[in-house]
């Protein structure tokens, strides 16, 4: 039996449009984000979904509820699917963080997997809580289709780990657009096959270009850090 997981990032929010760090804080979907979720809901309306899970934050719960409507399914919160906390950066713009905490930002930018800002979570910590959720759901829903709504960094970390990528480079090598769809097929909780990745064809006719939210390795001229 094959278990199919539909991994979805929540729709757009106002803070994401402003390039602000919003990992563990509650942020509602923007109207654009709700429209993205409605389009994905229509796309999946005829798929045989048997369960829907989501990070307990408002933007993921609302995305999941919109997708769930045609199926009449409840949304079950799962704490382990929350986004990485950015600690004392939460709510700040990227430029503000670079200006106020240049050394800390540089360390995170080069290695977000093992480094975390003060009060925040590293990628290691996020994986330690998220992967057991994935394992549990694969075992619980053997042979079924299950939809999971989570967050950009959390999904990239999960995908990197399951597919055997170098997790240290998850920010540069993998993208997750708002309300994107990924599909993974599992024969068991360990072995998986990627069937669809970062697909936004329900609201865009082509993928966006990676021109923001990237590290200095990808685009050294994208953001200038100024120190005194």
C-alpha atoms as a PDB file:
ATOM      1  CA  UNK A   1       0.000   0.000   0.000  1.00  0.00           C
ATOM      2  CA  UNK A   2       1.156   3.525  -0.779  1.00  0.00           C
ATOM      3  CA  UNK A   3       0.443   6.372   1.600  1.00  0.00           C
ATOM      4  CA  UNK A   4       0.303   9.745  -0.122  1.00  0.00           C
ATOM      5  CA  UNK A   5       1.057  12.957   1.762  1.00  0.00           C
ATOM      6  CA  UNK A   6       0.034  16.291   0.293  1.00  0.00           C
ATOM      7  CA  UNK A   7       2.391  18.844   1.862  1.00  0.00           C
ATOM      8  CA  UNK A   8       1.140  22.421   1.544  1.00  0.00           C
ATOM      9  CA  UNK A   9       2.599  25.718   2.623  1.00  0.00           C
ATOM     10  CA  UNK A  10       0.067  28.222   3.990  1.00  0.00           C
ATOM     11  CA  UNK A  11      -1.119  31.054   1.757  1.00  0.00           C
ATOM     12  CA  UNK A  12       0.424  34.515   1.633  1.00  0.00           C
ATOM     13  CA  UNK A  13       0.295  36.883   4.617  1.00  0.00           C
ATOM     14  CA  UNK A  14       0.907  40.586   4.997  1.00  0.00           C
ATOM     15  CA  UNK A  15       4.096  39.986   6.967  1.00  0.00           C
ATOM     16  CA  UNK A  16       5.523  37.734   4.275  1.00  0.00           C
ATOM     17  CA  UNK A  17       4.815  40.490   1.744  1.00  0.00           C
ATOM     18  CA  UNK A  18       6.766  42.895   3.977  1.00  0.00           C
ATOM     19  CA  UNK A  19       9.682  40.426   4.304  1.00  0.00           C
ATOM     20  CA  UNK A  20       9.254  40.147   8.071  1.00  0.00           C
ATOM     21  CA  UNK A  21      10.250  37.191  10.222  1.00  0.00           C
ATOM     22  CA  UNK A  22       7.061  35.517  11.411  1.00  0.00           C
ATOM     23  CA  UNK A  23       7.893  32.028  12.555  1.00  0.00           C
ATOM     24  CA  UNK A  24       6.105  31.378  15.820  1.00  0.00           C
ATOM     25  CA  UNK A  25       3.866  34.459  15.967  1.00  0.00           C
ATOM     26  CA  UNK A  26       0.257  34.383  14.828  1.00  0.00           C
ATOM     27  CA  UNK A  27      -0.332  36.036  11.447  1.00  0.00           C
ATOM     28  CA  UNK A  28      -3.560  35.839   9.456  1.00  0.00           C
ATOM     29  CA  UNK A  29      -3.752  35.171   5.745  1.00  0.00           C
ATOM     30  CA  UNK A  30      -3.989  38.167   3.451  1.00  0.00           C
ATOM     31  CA  UNK A  31      -6.780  38.301   0.874  1.00  0.00           C
ATOM     32  CA  UNK A  32      -4.237  37.113  -1.672  1.00  0.00           C
ATOM     33  CA  UNK A  33      -3.431  34.161   0.594  1.00  0.00           C
ATOM     34  CA  UNK A  34      -7.097  33.250   0.945  1.00  0.00           C
ATOM     35  CA  UNK A  35      -7.526  33.354  -2.814  1.00  0.00           C
ATOM     36  CA  UNK A  36      -4.497  31.083  -3.241  1.00  0.00           C
ATOM     37  CA  UNK A  37      -5.968  28.625  -0.735  1.00  0.00           C
ATOM     38  CA  UNK A  38      -9.381  28.674  -2.455  1.00  0.00           C
ATOM     39  CA  UNK A  39      -7.750  27.886  -5.786  1.00  0.00           C
ATOM     40  CA  UNK A  40      -5.861  24.974  -4.263  1.00  0.00           C
ATOM     41  CA  UNK A  41      -9.079  23.792  -2.617  1.00  0.00           C
ATOM     42  CA  UNK A  42     -10.803  23.715  -6.003  1.00  0.00           C
ATOM     43  CA  UNK A  43      -7.867  21.826  -7.495  1.00  0.00           C
ATOM     44  CA  UNK A  44      -8.028  19.130  -4.804  1.00  0.00           C
ATOM     45  CA  UNK A  45     -11.818  18.987  -4.494  1.00  0.00           C
ATOM     46  CA  UNK A  46     -12.071  15.589  -6.211  1.00  0.00           C
ATOM     47  CA  UNK A  47      -9.038  14.000  -4.566  1.00  0.00           C
ATOM     48  CA  UNK A  48      -9.866  11.345  -2.002  1.00  0.00           C
ATOM     49  CA  UNK A  49      -8.445  13.035   1.083  1.00  0.00           C
ATOM     50  CA  UNK A  50      -9.018  11.087   4.287  1.00  0.00           C
ATOM     51  CA  UNK A  51      -7.501  13.436   6.883  1.00  0.00           C
ATOM     52  CA  UNK A  52      -6.172  16.979   7.167  1.00  0.00           C
ATOM     53  CA  UNK A  53      -3.546  18.187   9.644  1.00  0.00           C
ATOM     54  CA  UNK A  54      -2.014  21.605  10.183  1.00  0.00           C
ATOM     55  CA  UNK A  55       0.367  23.583  12.305  1.00  0.00           C
ATOM     56  CA  UNK A  56      -1.750  25.241  15.026  1.00  0.00           C
ATOM     57  CA  UNK A  57      -0.948  28.811  13.906  1.00  0.00           C
ATOM     58  CA  UNK A  58      -3.796  30.846  12.411  1.00  0.00           C
ATOM     59  CA  UNK A  59      -2.384  31.102   8.890  1.00  0.00           C
ATOM     60  CA  UNK A  60      -1.984  27.341   8.548  1.00  0.00           C
ATOM     61  CA  UNK A  61      -5.295  26.487  10.194  1.00  0.00           C
ATOM     62  CA  UNK A  62      -7.198  28.874   7.911  1.00  0.00           C
ATOM     63  CA  UNK A  63      -5.437  27.522   4.804  1.00  0.00           C
ATOM     64  CA  UNK A  64      -6.293  23.965   5.866  1.00  0.00           C
ATOM     65  CA  UNK A  65      -9.917  24.860   6.633  1.00  0.00           C
ATOM     66  CA  UNK A  66     -10.387  26.394   3.177  1.00  0.00           C
ATOM     67  CA  UNK A  67      -8.948  23.287   1.505  1.00  0.00           C
ATOM     68  CA  UNK A  68     -11.037  21.003   3.754  1.00  0.00           C
ATOM     69  CA  UNK A  69     -14.439  22.470   2.827  1.00  0.00           C
ATOM     70  CA  UNK A  70     -15.212  20.295  -0.227  1.00  0.00           C
ATOM     71  CA  UNK A  71     -14.263  17.187   1.759  1.00  0.00           C
ATOM     72  CA  UNK A  72     -16.200  17.893   4.962  1.00  0.00           C
ATOM     73  CA  UNK A  73     -13.149  16.999   7.034  1.00  0.00           C
ATOM     74  CA  UNK A  74     -12.033  18.524  10.339  1.00  0.00           C
ATOM     75  CA  UNK A  75      -8.586  20.071  10.629  1.00  0.00           C
ATOM     76  CA  UNK A  76      -6.437  18.462  13.317  1.00  0.00           C
ATOM     77  CA  UNK A  77      -3.709  20.695  14.795  1.00  0.00           C
ATOM     78  CA  UNK A  78      -0.228  19.168  15.119  1.00  0.00           C
ATOM     79  CA  UNK A  79       2.239  21.123  17.273  1.00  0.00           C
ATOM     80  CA  UNK A  80       5.309  19.592  15.653  1.00  0.00           C
ATOM     81  CA  UNK A  81       4.443  21.163  12.288  1.00  0.00           C
ATOM     82  CA  UNK A  82       4.937  24.752  13.508  1.00  0.00           C
ATOM     83  CA  UNK A  83       7.392  27.061  11.813  1.00  0.00           C
ATOM     84  CA  UNK A  84      10.887  27.604  13.169  1.00  0.00           C
ATOM     85  CA  UNK A  85      10.869  30.285  15.832  1.00  0.00           C
ATOM     86  CA  UNK A  86      13.141  33.236  15.090  1.00  0.00           C
ATOM     87  CA  UNK A  87      13.337  34.306  18.721  1.00  0.00           C
ATOM     88  CA  UNK A  88      13.943  38.033  19.202  1.00  0.00           C
ATOM     89  CA  UNK A  89      13.795  38.606  15.431  1.00  0.00           C
ATOM     90  CA  UNK A  90      10.069  37.857  15.287  1.00  0.00           C
ATOM     91  CA  UNK A  91       8.096  40.622  13.572  1.00  0.00           C
ATOM     92  CA  UNK A  92      11.234  42.423  12.349  1.00  0.00           C
ATOM     93  CA  UNK A  93      12.107  42.958   8.697  1.00  0.00           C
ATOM     94  CA  UNK A  94      15.163  41.245   7.298  1.00  0.00           C
ATOM     95  CA  UNK A  95      16.882  44.604   6.863  1.00  0.00           C
ATOM     96  CA  UNK A  96      16.175  45.539  10.504  1.00  0.00           C
ATOM     97  CA  UNK A  97      17.673  42.259  11.699  1.00  0.00           C
ATOM     98  CA  UNK A  98      20.788  42.716   9.556  1.00  0.00           C
ATOM     99  CA  UNK A  99      21.264  46.230  10.907  1.00  0.00           C
ATOM    100  CA  UNK A 100      20.630  45.473  14.604  1.00  0.00           C
ATOM    101  CA  UNK A 101      22.127  41.957  14.814  1.00  0.00           C
ATOM    102  CA  UNK A 102      24.719  41.745  11.994  1.00  0.00           C
ATOM    103  CA  UNK A 103      26.889  39.016  13.553  1.00  0.00           C
ATOM    104  CA  UNK A 104      23.928  36.879  14.535  1.00  0.00           C
ATOM    105  CA  UNK A 105      22.314  37.263  11.125  1.00  0.00           C
ATOM    106  CA  UNK A 106      25.550  36.353   9.336  1.00  0.00           C
ATOM    107  CA  UNK A 107      25.885  33.157  11.411  1.00  0.00           C
ATOM    108  CA  UNK A 108      22.281  32.162  10.681  1.00  0.00           C
ATOM    109  CA  UNK A 109      22.602  33.051   7.014  1.00  0.00           C
ATOM    110  CA  UNK A 110      25.596  30.740   6.614  1.00  0.00           C
ATOM    111  CA  UNK A 111      24.219  27.828   8.659  1.00  0.00           C
ATOM    112  CA  UNK A 112      20.522  27.991   9.640  1.00  0.00           C
ATOM    113  CA  UNK A 113      20.520  24.255  10.298  1.00  0.00           C
ATOM    114  CA  UNK A 114      22.700  24.373  13.412  1.00  0.00           C
ATOM    115  CA  UNK A 115      22.529  28.052  14.408  1.00  0.00           C
ATOM    116  CA  UNK A 116      19.533  29.893  15.845  1.00  0.00           C
ATOM    117  CA  UNK A 117      19.029  33.523  16.883  1.00  0.00           C
ATOM    118  CA  UNK A 118      18.625  34.209  20.591  1.00  0.00           C
ATOM    119  CA  UNK A 119      15.412  32.585  21.792  1.00  0.00           C
ATOM    120  CA  UNK A 120      14.842  30.861  18.446  1.00  0.00           C
ATOM    121  CA  UNK A 121      15.120  27.376  16.945  1.00  0.00           C
ATOM    122  CA  UNK A 122      17.745  25.868  14.677  1.00  0.00           C
ATOM    123  CA  UNK A 123      16.829  23.581  11.811  1.00  0.00           C
ATOM    124  CA  UNK A 124      17.954  20.628  13.924  1.00  0.00           C
ATOM    125  CA  UNK A 125      15.355  21.476  16.564  1.00  0.00           C
ATOM    126  CA  UNK A 126      12.606  21.873  13.973  1.00  0.00           C
ATOM    127  CA  UNK A 127      13.383  18.506  12.378  1.00  0.00           C
ATOM    128  CA  UNK A 128      13.465  16.821  15.780  1.00  0.00           C
ATOM    129  CA  UNK A 129       9.810  17.742  16.332  1.00  0.00           C
ATOM    130  CA  UNK A 130       8.501  17.624  12.747  1.00  0.00           C
ATOM    131  CA  UNK A 131       9.825  14.274  11.478  1.00  0.00           C
ATOM    132  CA  UNK A 132       8.134  12.230  14.235  1.00  0.00           C
ATOM    133  CA  UNK A 133       4.807  13.803  13.176  1.00  0.00           C
ATOM    134  CA  UNK A 134       5.373  12.699   9.584  1.00  0.00           C
ATOM    135  CA  UNK A 135       6.269   9.176  10.723  1.00  0.00           C
ATOM    136  CA  UNK A 136       3.198   8.988  12.944  1.00  0.00           C
ATOM    137  CA  UNK A 137       0.850  10.098  10.162  1.00  0.00           C
ATOM    138  CA  UNK A 138       2.308   7.662   7.616  1.00  0.00           C
ATOM    139  CA  UNK A 139       1.790   4.810  10.064  1.00  0.00           C
ATOM    140  CA  UNK A 140      -1.668   5.958  11.108  1.00  0.00           C
ATOM    141  CA  UNK A 141      -3.004   6.478   7.572  1.00  0.00           C
ATOM    142  CA  UNK A 142      -1.506   3.571   5.652  1.00  0.00           C
ATOM    143  CA  UNK A 143      -2.832   3.451   2.091  1.00  0.00           C
ATOM    144  CA  UNK A 144      -4.639   6.794   2.435  1.00  0.00           C
ATOM    145  CA  UNK A 145      -4.277  10.346   1.127  1.00  0.00           C
ATOM    146  CA  UNK A 146      -3.467  12.870   3.862  1.00  0.00           C
ATOM    147  CA  UNK A 147      -3.064  16.635   3.556  1.00  0.00           C
ATOM    148  CA  UNK A 148      -0.643  18.543   5.800  1.00  0.00           C
ATOM    149  CA  UNK A 149      -0.406  22.348   5.966  1.00  0.00           C
ATOM    150  CA  UNK A 150       2.810  23.719   7.408  1.00  0.00           C
ATOM    151  CA  UNK A 151       5.382  26.469   6.830  1.00  0.00           C
ATOM    152  CA  UNK A 152       8.198  27.387   4.470  1.00  0.00           C
ATOM    153  CA  UNK A 153      11.263  26.446   6.540  1.00  0.00           C
ATOM    154  CA  UNK A 154       9.599  23.460   8.199  1.00  0.00           C
ATOM    155  CA  UNK A 155       8.573  21.963   4.863  1.00  0.00           C
ATOM    156  CA  UNK A 156      12.000  22.540   3.304  1.00  0.00           C
ATOM    157  CA  UNK A 157      13.654  20.827   6.252  1.00  0.00           C
ATOM    158  CA  UNK A 158      11.254  17.870   6.087  1.00  0.00           C
ATOM    159  CA  UNK A 159      11.738  17.461   2.341  1.00  0.00           C
ATOM    160  CA  UNK A 160      15.520  17.755   2.580  1.00  0.00           C
ATOM    161  CA  UNK A 161      15.705  15.096   5.258  1.00  0.00           C
ATOM    162  CA  UNK A 162      13.279  12.638   3.644  1.00  0.00           C
ATOM    163  CA  UNK A 163      14.914  12.933   0.217  1.00  0.00           C
ATOM    164  CA  UNK A 164      18.495  12.732   1.481  1.00  0.00           C
ATOM    165  CA  UNK A 165      19.617  16.263   0.594  1.00  0.00           C
ATOM    166  CA  UNK A 166      22.272  18.171   2.525  1.00  0.00           C
ATOM    167  CA  UNK A 167      19.977  19.784   5.070  1.00  0.00           C
ATOM    168  CA  UNK A 168      22.450  22.591   5.788  1.00  0.00           C
ATOM    169  CA  UNK A 169      21.640  24.087   2.390  1.00  0.00           C
ATOM    170  CA  UNK A 170      17.866  23.907   2.581  1.00  0.00           C
ATOM    171  CA  UNK A 171      17.359  27.664   2.175  1.00  0.00           C
ATOM    172  CA  UNK A 172      19.339  27.842  -1.063  1.00  0.00           C
ATOM    173  CA  UNK A 173      18.355  24.550  -2.682  1.00  0.00           C
ATOM    174  CA  UNK A 174      14.619  24.340  -2.028  1.00  0.00           C
ATOM    175  CA  UNK A 175      11.818  26.895  -2.291  1.00  0.00           C
ATOM    176  CA  UNK A 176       8.252  26.768  -1.003  1.00  0.00           C
ATOM    177  CA  UNK A 177       5.934  29.377  -2.489  1.00  0.00           C
ATOM    178  CA  UNK A 178       2.758  30.437  -0.671  1.00  0.00           C
ATOM    179  CA  UNK A 179       0.010  27.801  -0.985  1.00  0.00           C
ATOM    180  CA  UNK A 180       2.297  25.516  -2.991  1.00  0.00           C
ATOM    181  CA  UNK A 181       1.630  21.788  -3.285  1.00  0.00           C
ATOM    182  CA  UNK A 182       4.134  18.969  -2.775  1.00  0.00           C
ATOM    183  CA  UNK A 183       3.233  15.291  -3.015  1.00  0.00           C
ATOM    184  CA  UNK A 184       5.189  12.445  -1.424  1.00  0.00           C
ATOM    185  CA  UNK A 185       4.393   8.740  -1.736  1.00  0.00           C
ATOM    186  CA  UNK A 186       5.484   6.423   1.090  1.00  0.00           C
ATOM    187  CA  UNK A 187       5.870   2.649   1.085  1.00  0.00           C
ATOM    188  CA  UNK A 188       6.927   2.864   4.734  1.00  0.00           C
ATOM    189  CA  UNK A 189       7.821   5.735   7.094  1.00  0.00           C
ATOM    190  CA  UNK A 190      11.439   5.793   5.876  1.00  0.00           C
ATOM    191  CA  UNK A 191      11.264   5.325   2.095  1.00  0.00           C
ATOM    192  CA  UNK A 192       9.526   7.985   0.048  1.00  0.00           C
ATOM    193  CA  UNK A 193       9.305   9.213  -3.521  1.00  0.00           C
ATOM    194  CA  UNK A 194       8.783  12.850  -4.500  1.00  0.00           C
ATOM    195  CA  UNK A 195       5.900  13.073  -6.978  1.00  0.00           C
ATOM    196  CA  UNK A 196       5.343  16.846  -7.071  1.00  0.00           C
ATOM    197  CA  UNK A 197       7.315  19.790  -5.743  1.00  0.00           C
ATOM    198  CA  UNK A 198       6.497  23.443  -5.022  1.00  0.00           C
ATOM    199  CA  UNK A 199       3.662  23.456  -7.555  1.00  0.00           C
ATOM    200  CA  UNK A 200       1.579  26.642  -7.826  1.00  0.00           C
ATOM    201  CA  UNK A 201      -0.172  25.974 -11.146  1.00  0.00           C
ATOM    202  CA  UNK A 202      -3.541  26.481  -9.415  1.00  0.00           C
ATOM    203  CA  UNK A 203      -2.836  30.224  -9.214  1.00  0.00           C
ATOM    204  CA  UNK A 204       0.234  30.974 -11.376  1.00  0.00           C
ATOM    205  CA  UNK A 205       1.156  29.979 -14.920  1.00  0.00           C
ATOM    206  CA  UNK A 206       4.884  29.726 -14.153  1.00  0.00           C
ATOM    207  CA  UNK A 207       7.068  29.440 -11.041  1.00  0.00           C
ATOM    208  CA  UNK A 208       8.456  32.606  -9.541  1.00  0.00           C
ATOM    209  CA  UNK A 209      12.141  33.424  -9.811  1.00  0.00           C
ATOM    210  CA  UNK A 210      14.308  33.208  -6.670  1.00  0.00           C
ATOM    211  CA  UNK A 211      15.095  36.871  -6.121  1.00  0.00           C
ATOM    212  CA  UNK A 212      14.577  37.317  -2.395  1.00  0.00           C
ATOM    213  CA  UNK A 213      14.851  35.608   0.995  1.00  0.00           C
ATOM    214  CA  UNK A 214      18.064  33.869  -0.099  1.00  0.00           C
ATOM    215  CA  UNK A 215      21.497  33.620   1.453  1.00  0.00           C
ATOM    216  CA  UNK A 216      24.602  35.506   0.419  1.00  0.00           C
ATOM    217  CA  UNK A 217      25.882  32.293  -1.209  1.00  0.00           C
ATOM    218  CA  UNK A 218      23.035  32.435  -3.723  1.00  0.00           C
ATOM    219  CA  UNK A 219      22.974  36.163  -4.344  1.00  0.00           C
ATOM    220  CA  UNK A 220      25.846  38.054  -2.709  1.00  0.00           C
ATOM    221  CA  UNK A 221      24.527  41.365  -4.004  1.00  0.00           C
ATOM    222  CA  UNK A 222      20.955  40.845  -2.868  1.00  0.00           C
ATOM    223  CA  UNK A 223      21.352  42.452   0.548  1.00  0.00           C
ATOM    224  CA  UNK A 224      24.171  44.575   1.883  1.00  0.00           C
ATOM    225  CA  UNK A 225      25.055  44.282   5.560  1.00  0.00           C
ATOM    226  CA  UNK A 226      26.275  47.558   6.970  1.00  0.00           C
ATOM    227  CA  UNK A 227      28.365  47.616  10.111  1.00  0.00           C
ATOM    228  CA  UNK A 228      30.068  50.424  11.951  1.00  0.00           C
END
